[in-house]
Amino acid sequence: MMRKAHSFEDIPVMADEIADLIAARFGGARRGERPDLALMLRRRGGALPARLRRRAARLAEAQRLSRQPRVARQLPLDRLSRDHAALSAHLRPLGGAARLQGRAVGIAASVAFALLMVGALSIWVALRQGWI
């Protein structure tokens, strides 16, 4: 399998993609805001497993260091691309459609429970009043 060769210019792109995925999955970004990975880790990093949190911290540090081109050329790109792949694989599976479906099922369950409670209350009142 041929892997795409990364350059140090790809580091901010990879970090921004992971920050967007964390914001989409766990929240933490205000409306219209695109926070960097370091800020997203401070806000919602605890939602990641410890191993992935360390990988995300490495990627965030690389994003900070990549602002200096001489330092960025010394970063381990293969390790950073593996970190990006692992984080993407963990954060991607729950897409927008699945999240919307889960929210709809939650609302439907709440409505069904409320109707069940209203029905039980009305039967109880009818029994107390002697109508049944």
Protein backbone atom coordinates (compact mmCIF):
# COMPACT_ATOMS: atom_id res chain seq x y z
CA MET A 1 0.00 0.00 0.00
CA MET A 2 1.46 3.35 -1.02
CA ARG A 3 1.29 6.08 1.58
CA LYS A 4 1.09 9.74 0.66
CA ALA A 5 4.32 11.58 1.44
CA HIS A 6 3.72 14.43 3.86
CA SER A 7 5.66 17.63 4.13
CA PHE A 8 5.95 20.00 7.06
CA GLU A 9 3.31 22.25 5.45
CA ASP A 10 0.76 19.47 6.04
CA ILE A 11 1.12 19.59 9.83
CA PRO A 12 -1.23 22.56 10.41
CA VAL A 13 -3.74 21.02 8.00
CA MET A 14 -3.69 17.71 9.88
CA ALA A 15 -3.98 19.45 13.26
CA ASP A 16 -6.86 21.64 12.09
CA GLU A 17 -8.69 18.60 10.75
CA ILE A 18 -8.38 16.82 14.12
CA ALA A 19 -9.50 19.98 15.95
CA ASP A 20 -12.58 20.17 13.70
CA LEU A 21 -13.37 16.50 14.31
CA ILE A 22 -13.06 16.95 18.10
CA ALA A 23 -15.34 19.99 17.93
CA ALA A 24 -17.89 18.09 15.83
CA ARG A 25 -17.84 15.01 18.04
CA PHE A 26 -17.52 16.47 21.53
CA GLY A 27 -18.46 20.15 21.12
CA GLY A 28 -16.37 22.90 22.62
CA ALA A 29 -16.23 25.30 19.69
CA ARG A 30 -18.37 28.39 19.80
CA ARG A 31 -20.48 29.31 16.81
CA GLY A 32 -18.31 30.60 13.97
CA GLU A 33 -15.10 29.77 15.86
CA ARG A 34 -12.37 27.46 14.53
CA PRO A 35 -10.07 26.87 17.52
CA ASP A 36 -6.68 25.24 17.04
CA LEU A 37 -5.91 21.77 18.31
CA ALA A 38 -4.21 22.93 21.51
CA LEU A 39 -7.32 24.88 22.57
CA MET A 40 -9.63 21.99 21.69
CA LEU A 41 -7.47 19.67 23.80
CA ARG A 42 -7.75 22.04 26.75
CA ARG A 43 -11.52 22.23 26.30
CA ARG A 44 -12.44 18.65 25.36
CA GLY A 45 -9.25 16.61 25.52
CA GLY A 46 -10.54 14.66 28.50
CA ALA A 47 -13.11 12.99 26.26
CA LEU A 48 -10.32 11.22 24.36
CA PRO A 49 -8.71 8.02 25.63
CA ALA A 50 -5.31 8.65 27.24
CA ARG A 51 -3.32 7.09 24.39
CA LEU A 52 -5.09 9.22 21.79
CA ARG A 53 -4.81 12.29 24.03
CA ARG A 54 -1.02 11.86 23.98
CA ARG A 55 -1.07 11.54 20.20
CA ALA A 56 -3.21 14.67 19.90
CA ALA A 57 -0.86 16.54 22.24
CA ARG A 58 2.08 15.54 20.02
CA LEU A 59 0.22 16.82 16.98
CA ALA A 60 -0.68 20.07 18.75
CA GLU A 61 2.95 20.61 19.76
CA ALA A 62 4.02 19.90 16.17
CA GLN A 63 1.48 22.46 14.98
CA ARG A 64 3.04 25.03 17.28
CA LEU A 65 6.57 24.14 16.19
CA SER A 66 5.66 24.08 12.50
CA ARG A 67 5.35 27.86 12.52
CA GLN A 68 9.16 27.92 12.38
CA PRO A 69 10.18 26.33 9.05
CA ARG A 70 13.67 25.33 10.23
CA VAL A 71 12.24 23.52 13.23
CA ALA A 72 9.36 22.09 11.22
CA ARG A 73 11.73 20.27 8.86
CA GLN A 74 13.09 18.33 11.84
CA LEU A 75 9.70 17.02 12.99
CA PRO A 76 8.99 13.26 12.59
CA LEU A 77 6.41 13.44 9.79
CA ASP A 78 5.80 9.69 9.60
CA ARG A 79 4.96 9.53 13.32
CA LEU A 80 2.74 12.61 13.06
CA SER A 81 0.90 11.16 10.08
CA ARG A 82 0.32 7.93 12.06
CA ASP A 83 -0.99 10.01 14.96
CA HIS A 84 -3.32 11.85 12.56
CA ALA A 85 -4.56 8.56 11.08
CA ALA A 86 -5.26 7.06 14.52
CA LEU A 87 -7.11 10.16 15.72
CA SER A 88 -9.12 10.37 12.49
CA ALA A 89 -10.06 6.71 12.71
CA HIS A 90 -11.31 7.22 16.27
CA LEU A 91 -13.19 10.47 15.67
CA ARG A 92 -14.75 9.88 12.23
CA PRO A 93 -17.08 6.87 12.71
CA LEU A 94 -19.85 8.91 14.26
CA GLY A 95 -20.82 11.06 11.30
CA GLY A 96 -23.46 13.75 11.09
CA ALA A 97 -26.20 11.38 9.95
CA ALA A 98 -25.63 8.96 12.82
CA ARG A 99 -25.57 11.83 15.32
CA LEU A 100 -28.82 13.22 13.89
CA GLN A 101 -30.41 9.78 14.00
CA GLY A 102 -29.36 9.32 17.63
CA ARG A 103 -30.82 12.70 18.53
CA ALA A 104 -34.11 11.83 16.77
CA VAL A 105 -34.34 8.49 18.59
CA GLY A 106 -33.74 10.29 21.90
CA ILE A 107 -36.52 12.79 21.21
CA ALA A 108 -38.90 10.02 20.13
CA ALA A 109 -38.13 8.05 23.31
CA SER A 110 -38.81 11.14 25.43
CA VAL A 111 -42.14 11.75 23.69
CA ALA A 112 -43.14 8.06 24.06
CA PHE A 113 -42.26 8.11 27.77
CA ALA A 114 -44.26 11.32 28.29
CA LEU A 115 -47.30 9.81 26.53
CA LEU A 116 -47.00 6.67 28.65
CA MET A 117 -46.90 8.76 31.82
CA VAL A 118 -49.93 10.84 30.73
CA GLY A 119 -51.84 7.63 29.93
CA ALA A 120 -50.97 6.08 33.30
CA LEU A 121 -51.94 9.28 35.12
CA SER A 122 -55.27 9.51 33.29
CA ILE A 123 -56.09 5.87 34.11
CA TRP A 124 -55.19 6.49 37.76
CA VAL A 125 -57.41 9.61 37.88
CA ALA A 126 -60.27 7.72 36.21
CA LEU A 127 -59.98 4.92 38.79
CA ARG A 128 -59.91 7.40 41.70
CA GLN A 129 -62.99 9.22 40.38
CA GLY A 130 -64.87 5.96 39.86
CA TRP A 131 -65.27 6.37 36.11
CA ILE A 132 -63.77 2.97 35.42
